[in-house]
PDB file of all heavy atoms in Angstrom:
ATOM      1  N   ALA A   1     117.925 -94.543  -6.352  1.00  0.00           N
ATOM      2  CA  ALA A   1     117.269 -93.770  -5.298  1.00  0.00           C
ATOM      3  C   ALA A   1     117.086 -94.575  -4.019  1.00  0.00           C
ATOM      4  O   ALA A   1     117.253 -94.051  -2.915  1.00  0.00           O
ATOM      5  CB  ALA A   1     115.915 -93.261  -5.794  1.00  0.00           C
ATOM      6  N   TYR A   2     116.746 -95.865  -4.170  1.00  0.00           N
ATOM      7  CA  TYR A   2     116.414 -96.680  -3.007  1.00  0.00           C
ATOM      8  C   TYR A   2     117.535 -97.639  -2.604  1.00  0.00           C
ATOM      9  O   TYR A   2     117.335 -98.511  -1.762  1.00  0.00           O
ATOM     10  CB  TYR A   2     115.122 -97.468  -3.283  1.00  0.00           C
ATOM     11  CG  TYR A   2     113.943 -96.571  -3.554  1.00  0.00           C
ATOM     12  CD1 TYR A   2     113.613 -96.196  -4.855  1.00  0.00           C
ATOM     13  CD2 TYR A   2     113.168 -96.060  -2.516  1.00  0.00           C
ATOM     14  CE1 TYR A   2     112.543 -95.350  -5.113  1.00  0.00           C
ATOM     15  CE2 TYR A   2     112.089 -95.218  -2.757  1.00  0.00           C
ATOM     16  CZ  TYR A   2     111.789 -94.859  -4.059  1.00  0.00           C
ATOM     17  OH  TYR A   2     110.729 -94.014  -4.309  1.00  0.00           O
ATOM     18  N   ALA A   3     118.723 -97.458  -3.208  1.00  0.00           N
ATOM     19  CA  ALA A   3     119.881 -98.303  -2.909  1.00  0.00           C
ATOM     20  C   ALA A   3     119.532 -99.774  -3.072  1.00  0.00           C
ATOM     21  O   ALA A   3     119.762-100.609  -2.194  1.00  0.00           O
ATOM     22  CB  ALA A   3     120.412 -98.030  -1.498  1.00  0.00           C
ATOM     23  N   MET A   4     118.981-100.103  -4.244  1.00  0.00           N
ATOM     24  CA  MET A   4     118.525-101.465  -4.519  1.00  0.00           C
ATOM     25  C   MET A   4     119.157-102.002  -5.806  1.00  0.00           C
ATOM     26  O   MET A   4     118.515-102.684  -6.597  1.00  0.00           O
ATOM     27  CB  MET A   4     116.997-101.502  -4.624  1.00  0.00           C
ATOM     28  CG  MET A   4     116.271-101.184  -3.331  1.00  0.00           C
ATOM     29  SD  MET A   4     114.470-101.051  -3.519  1.00  0.00           S
ATOM     30  CE  MET A   4     114.026-102.751  -3.942  1.00  0.00           C
ATOM     31  N   THR A   5     120.437-101.699  -6.012  1.00  0.00           N
ATOM     32  CA  THR A   5     121.090-102.111  -7.258  1.00  0.00           C
ATOM     33  C   THR A   5     121.025-103.619  -7.476  1.00  0.00           C
ATOM     34  O   THR A   5     120.801-104.094  -8.590  1.00  0.00           O
ATOM     35  CB  THR A   5     122.555-101.649  -7.273  1.00  0.00           C
ATOM     36  OG1 THR A   5     123.188-102.057  -6.054  1.00  0.00           O
ATOM     37  CG2 THR A   5     122.647-100.141  -7.390  1.00  0.00           C
ATOM     38  N   GLY A   6     121.214-104.395  -6.429  1.00  0.00           N
ATOM     39  CA  GLY A   6     121.230-105.847  -6.569  1.00  0.00           C
ATOM     40  C   GLY A   6     119.861-106.485  -6.685  1.00  0.00           C
ATOM     41  O   GLY A   6     119.763-107.670  -7.021  1.00  0.00           O
ATOM     42  N   TRP A   7     118.812-105.719  -6.443  1.00  0.00           N
ATOM     43  CA  TRP A   7     117.460-106.276  -6.514  1.00  0.00           C
ATOM     44  C   TRP A   7     116.977-106.414  -7.957  1.00  0.00           C
ATOM     45  O   TRP A   7     116.050-107.168  -8.233  1.00  0.00           O
ATOM     46  CB  TRP A   7     116.479-105.386  -5.724  1.00  0.00           C
ATOM     47  CG  TRP A   7     116.781-105.275  -4.272  1.00  0.00           C
ATOM     48  CD1 TRP A   7     117.787-104.539  -3.697  1.00  0.00           C
ATOM     49  CD2 TRP A   7     116.094-105.908  -3.204  1.00  0.00           C
ATOM     50  NE1 TRP A   7     117.747-104.667  -2.316  1.00  0.00           N
ATOM     51  CE2 TRP A   7     116.710-105.499  -1.992  1.00  0.00           C
ATOM     52  CE3 TRP A   7     114.993-106.767  -3.132  1.00  0.00           C
ATOM     53  CZ2 TRP A   7     116.283-105.934  -0.739  1.00  0.00           C
ATOM     54  CZ3 TRP A   7     114.561-107.195  -1.875  1.00  0.00           C
ATOM     55  CH2 TRP A   7     115.201-106.782  -0.707  1.00  0.00           C
ATOM     56  N   ARG A   8     117.580-105.650  -8.865  1.00  0.00           N
ATOM     57  CA  ARG A   8     117.357-105.741 -10.303  1.00  0.00           C
ATOM     58  C   ARG A   8     115.901-105.509 -10.714  1.00  0.00           C
ATOM     59  O   ARG A   8     115.231-106.394 -11.240  1.00  0.00           O
ATOM     60  CB  ARG A   8     117.847-107.088 -10.861  1.00  0.00           C
ATOM     61  CG  ARG A   8     119.269-107.489 -10.516  1.00  0.00           C
ATOM     62  CD  ARG A   8     120.291-106.400 -10.791  1.00  0.00           C
ATOM     63  NE  ARG A   8     120.301-105.965 -12.173  1.00  0.00           N
ATOM     64  CZ  ARG A   8     120.333-104.677 -12.538  1.00  0.00           C
ATOM     65  NH1 ARG A   8     120.334-103.711 -11.642  1.00  0.00           N
ATOM     66  NH2 ARG A   8     120.344-104.363 -13.817  1.00  0.00           N
ATOM     67  N   ILE A   9     115.431-104.290 -10.482  1.00  0.00           N
ATOM     68  CA  ILE A   9     114.107-103.910 -10.959  1.00  0.00           C
ATOM     69  C   ILE A   9     114.177-102.539 -11.643  1.00  0.00           C
ATOM     70  O   ILE A   9     114.589-101.545 -11.042  1.00  0.00           O
ATOM     71  CB  ILE A   9     113.071-103.840  -9.815  1.00  0.00           C
ATOM     72  CG1 ILE A   9     112.811-105.220  -9.222  1.00  0.00           C
ATOM     73  CG2 ILE A   9     111.752-103.235 -10.331  1.00  0.00           C
ATOM     74  CD1 ILE A   9     112.042-106.182 -10.111  1.00  0.00           C
ATOM     75  N   GLY A  10     113.784-102.547 -12.915  1.00  0.00           N
ATOM     76  CA  GLY A  10     113.536-101.313 -13.643  1.00  0.00           C
ATOM     77  C   GLY A  10     112.104-101.335 -14.122  1.00  0.00           C
ATOM     78  O   GLY A  10     111.453-102.388 -14.114  1.00  0.00           O
ATOM     79  N   TYR A  11     111.607-100.178 -14.545  1.00  0.00           N
ATOM     80  CA  TYR A  11     110.234-100.143 -15.045  1.00  0.00           C
ATOM     81  C   TYR A  11     110.083 -98.998 -16.031  1.00  0.00           C
ATOM     82  O   TYR A  11     110.918 -98.081 -16.091  1.00  0.00           O
ATOM     83  CB  TYR A  11     109.229-100.018 -13.895  1.00  0.00           C
ATOM     84  CG  TYR A  11     109.441 -98.833 -12.982  1.00  0.00           C
ATOM     85  CD1 TYR A  11     108.974 -97.564 -13.327  1.00  0.00           C
ATOM     86  CD2 TYR A  11     110.111 -98.981 -11.770  1.00  0.00           C
ATOM     87  CE1 TYR A  11     109.165 -96.475 -12.492  1.00  0.00           C
ATOM     88  CE2 TYR A  11     110.312 -97.889 -10.919  1.00  0.00           C
ATOM     89  CZ  TYR A  11     109.833 -96.639 -11.291  1.00  0.00           C
ATOM     90  OH  TYR A  11     110.032 -95.567 -10.462  1.00  0.00           O
ATOM     91  N   ALA A  12     109.013 -99.048 -16.800  1.00  0.00           N
ATOM     92  CA  ALA A  12     108.782 -98.012 -17.799  1.00  0.00           C
ATOM     93  C   ALA A  12     107.296 -97.863 -18.055  1.00  0.00           C
ATOM     94  O   ALA A  12     106.508 -98.801 -17.867  1.00  0.00           O
ATOM     95  CB  ALA A  12     109.496 -98.358 -19.104  1.00  0.00           C
ATOM     96  N   GLY A  13     106.922 -96.655 -18.488  1.00  0.00           N
ATOM     97  CA  GLY A  13     105.563 -96.374 -18.900  1.00  0.00           C
ATOM     98  C   GLY A  13     105.561 -95.792 -20.300  1.00  0.00           C
ATOM     99  O   GLY A  13     106.398 -94.944 -20.624  1.00  0.00           O
ATOM    100  N   GLY A  14     104.632 -96.267 -21.135  1.00  0.00           N
ATOM    101  CA  GLY A  14     104.580 -95.749 -22.499  1.00  0.00           C
ATOM    102  C   GLY A  14     103.454 -96.358 -23.309  1.00  0.00           C
ATOM    103  O   GLY A  14     102.510 -96.943 -22.755  1.00  0.00           O
ATOM    104  N   ASP A  15     103.552 -96.226 -24.600  1.00  0.00           N
ATOM    105  CA  ASP A  15     102.550 -96.710 -25.543  1.00  0.00           C
ATOM    106  C   ASP A  15     102.250 -98.190 -25.326  1.00  0.00           C
ATOM    107  O   ASP A  15     103.174 -99.008 -25.210  1.00  0.00           O
ATOM    108  CB  ASP A  15     103.060 -96.476 -26.963  1.00  0.00           C
ATOM    109  CG  ASP A  15     102.154 -97.039 -28.014  1.00  0.00           C
ATOM    110  OD1 ASP A  15     101.119 -96.430 -28.297  1.00  0.00           O
ATOM    111  OD2 ASP A  15     102.491 -98.135 -28.537  1.00  0.00           O
ATOM    112  N   ALA A  16     100.981 -98.553 -25.277  1.00  0.00           N
ATOM    113  CA  ALA A  16     100.591 -99.928 -24.961  1.00  0.00           C
ATOM    114  C   ALA A  16     101.122-100.933 -25.980  1.00  0.00           C
ATOM    115  O   ALA A  16     101.520-102.047 -25.604  1.00  0.00           O
ATOM    116  CB  ALA A  16      99.068-100.032 -24.869  1.00  0.00           C
ATOM    117  N   ALA A  17     101.157-100.562 -27.253  1.00  0.00           N
ATOM    118  CA  ALA A  17     101.661-101.492 -28.267  1.00  0.00           C
ATOM    119  C   ALA A  17     103.158-101.739 -28.087  1.00  0.00           C
ATOM    120  O   ALA A  17     103.642-102.869 -28.260  1.00  0.00           O
ATOM    121  CB  ALA A  17     101.379-100.939 -29.672  1.00  0.00           C
ATOM    122  N   LEU A  18     103.904-100.694 -27.721  1.00  0.00           N
ATOM    123  CA  LEU A  18     105.330-100.854 -27.448  1.00  0.00           C
ATOM    124  C   LEU A  18     105.541-101.717 -26.207  1.00  0.00           C
ATOM    125  O   LEU A  18     106.395-102.615 -26.204  1.00  0.00           O
ATOM    126  CB  LEU A  18     105.986 -99.489 -27.258  1.00  0.00           C
ATOM    127  CG  LEU A  18     107.437 -99.484 -26.781  1.00  0.00           C
ATOM    128  CD1 LEU A  18     108.342-100.255 -27.735  1.00  0.00           C
ATOM    129  CD2 LEU A  18     107.938 -98.056 -26.589  1.00  0.00           C
ATOM    130  N   ILE A  19     104.768-101.472 -25.161  1.00  0.00           N
ATOM    131  CA  ILE A  19     104.885-102.259 -23.931  1.00  0.00           C
ATOM    132  C   ILE A  19     104.604-103.732 -24.210  1.00  0.00           C
ATOM    133  O   ILE A  19     105.303-104.625 -23.705  1.00  0.00           O
ATOM    134  CB  ILE A  19     103.921-101.710 -22.859  1.00  0.00           C
ATOM    135  CG1 ILE A  19     104.314-100.283 -22.451  1.00  0.00           C
ATOM    136  CG2 ILE A  19     103.871-102.633 -21.645  1.00  0.00           C
ATOM    137  CD1 ILE A  19     105.668-100.151 -21.789  1.00  0.00           C
ATOM    138  N   LYS A  20     103.611-104.005 -25.040  1.00  0.00           N
ATOM    139  CA  LYS A  20     103.278-105.385 -25.398  1.00  0.00           C
ATOM    140  C   LYS A  20     104.437-106.036 -26.156  1.00  0.00           C
ATOM    141  O   LYS A  20     104.774-107.208 -25.925  1.00  0.00           O
ATOM    142  CB  LYS A  20     102.007-105.412 -26.239  1.00  0.00           C
ATOM    143  CG  LYS A  20     101.522-106.809 -26.600  1.00  0.00           C
ATOM    144  CD  LYS A  20     100.215-106.742 -27.381  1.00  0.00           C
ATOM    145  CE  LYS A  20      99.713-108.146 -27.749  1.00  0.00           C
ATOM    146  NZ  LYS A  20      98.436-108.073 -28.520  1.00  0.00           N
ATOM    147  N   ALA A  21     105.053-105.283 -27.063  1.00  0.00           N
ATOM    148  CA  ALA A  21     106.190-105.804 -27.824  1.00  0.00           C
ATOM    149  C   ALA A  21     107.377-106.086 -26.904  1.00  0.00           C
ATOM    150  O   ALA A  21     108.082-107.097 -27.066  1.00  0.00           O
ATOM    151  CB  ALA A  21     106.586-104.817 -28.912  1.00  0.00           C
ATOM    152  N   MET A  22     107.608-105.215 -25.941  1.00  0.00           N
ATOM    153  CA  MET A  22     108.692-105.430 -24.977  1.00  0.00           C
ATOM    154  C   MET A  22     108.438-106.680 -24.134  1.00  0.00           C
ATOM    155  O   MET A  22     109.358-107.436 -23.831  1.00  0.00           O
ATOM    156  CB  MET A  22     108.850-104.203 -24.083  1.00  0.00           C
ATOM    157  CG  MET A  22     109.408-102.980 -24.804  1.00  0.00           C
ATOM    158  SD  MET A  22     109.275-101.430 -23.854  1.00  0.00           S
ATOM    159  CE  MET A  22     110.244-101.830 -22.402  1.00  0.00           C
ATOM    160  N   ALA A  23     107.177-106.905 -23.769  1.00  0.00           N
ATOM    161  CA  ALA A  23     106.828-108.107 -23.012  1.00  0.00           C
ATOM    162  C   ALA A  23     107.089-109.361 -23.829  1.00  0.00           C
ATOM    163  O   ALA A  23     107.509-110.399 -23.288  1.00  0.00           O
ATOM    164  CB  ALA A  23     105.366-108.050 -22.578  1.00  0.00           C
ATOM    165  N   LYS A  24     106.881-109.277 -25.133  1.00  0.00           N
ATOM    166  CA  LYS A  24     107.138-110.420 -26.019  1.00  0.00           C
ATOM    167  C   LYS A  24     108.628-110.769 -26.003  1.00  0.00           C
ATOM    168  O   LYS A  24     108.995-111.953 -25.918  1.00  0.00           O
ATOM    169  CB  LYS A  24     106.676-110.082 -27.440  1.00  0.00           C
ATOM    170  CG  LYS A  24     106.725-111.235 -28.427  1.00  0.00           C
ATOM    171  CD  LYS A  24     106.138-110.800 -29.760  1.00  0.00           C
ATOM    172  CE  LYS A  24     106.111-111.937 -30.767  1.00  0.00           C
ATOM    173  NZ  LYS A  24     105.532-111.488 -32.074  1.00  0.00           N
ATOM    174  N   VAL A  25     109.479-109.742 -26.069  1.00  0.00           N
ATOM    175  CA  VAL A  25     110.922-109.974 -25.992  1.00  0.00           C
ATOM    176  C   VAL A  25     111.271-110.595 -24.637  1.00  0.00           C
ATOM    177  O   VAL A  25     112.022-111.582 -24.559  1.00  0.00           O
ATOM    178  CB  VAL A  25     111.703-108.651 -26.188  1.00  0.00           C
ATOM    179  CG1 VAL A  25     113.188-108.855 -25.929  1.00  0.00           C
ATOM    180  CG2 VAL A  25     111.485-108.107 -27.589  1.00  0.00           C
TER     181      VAL A  25
END
């Protein structure tokens, strides 16, 4: 949407336990 392919930022919202596990990875 913002023509920022090279900036390399994705994000997600969801269950706190899943988010914590993703942060561990």
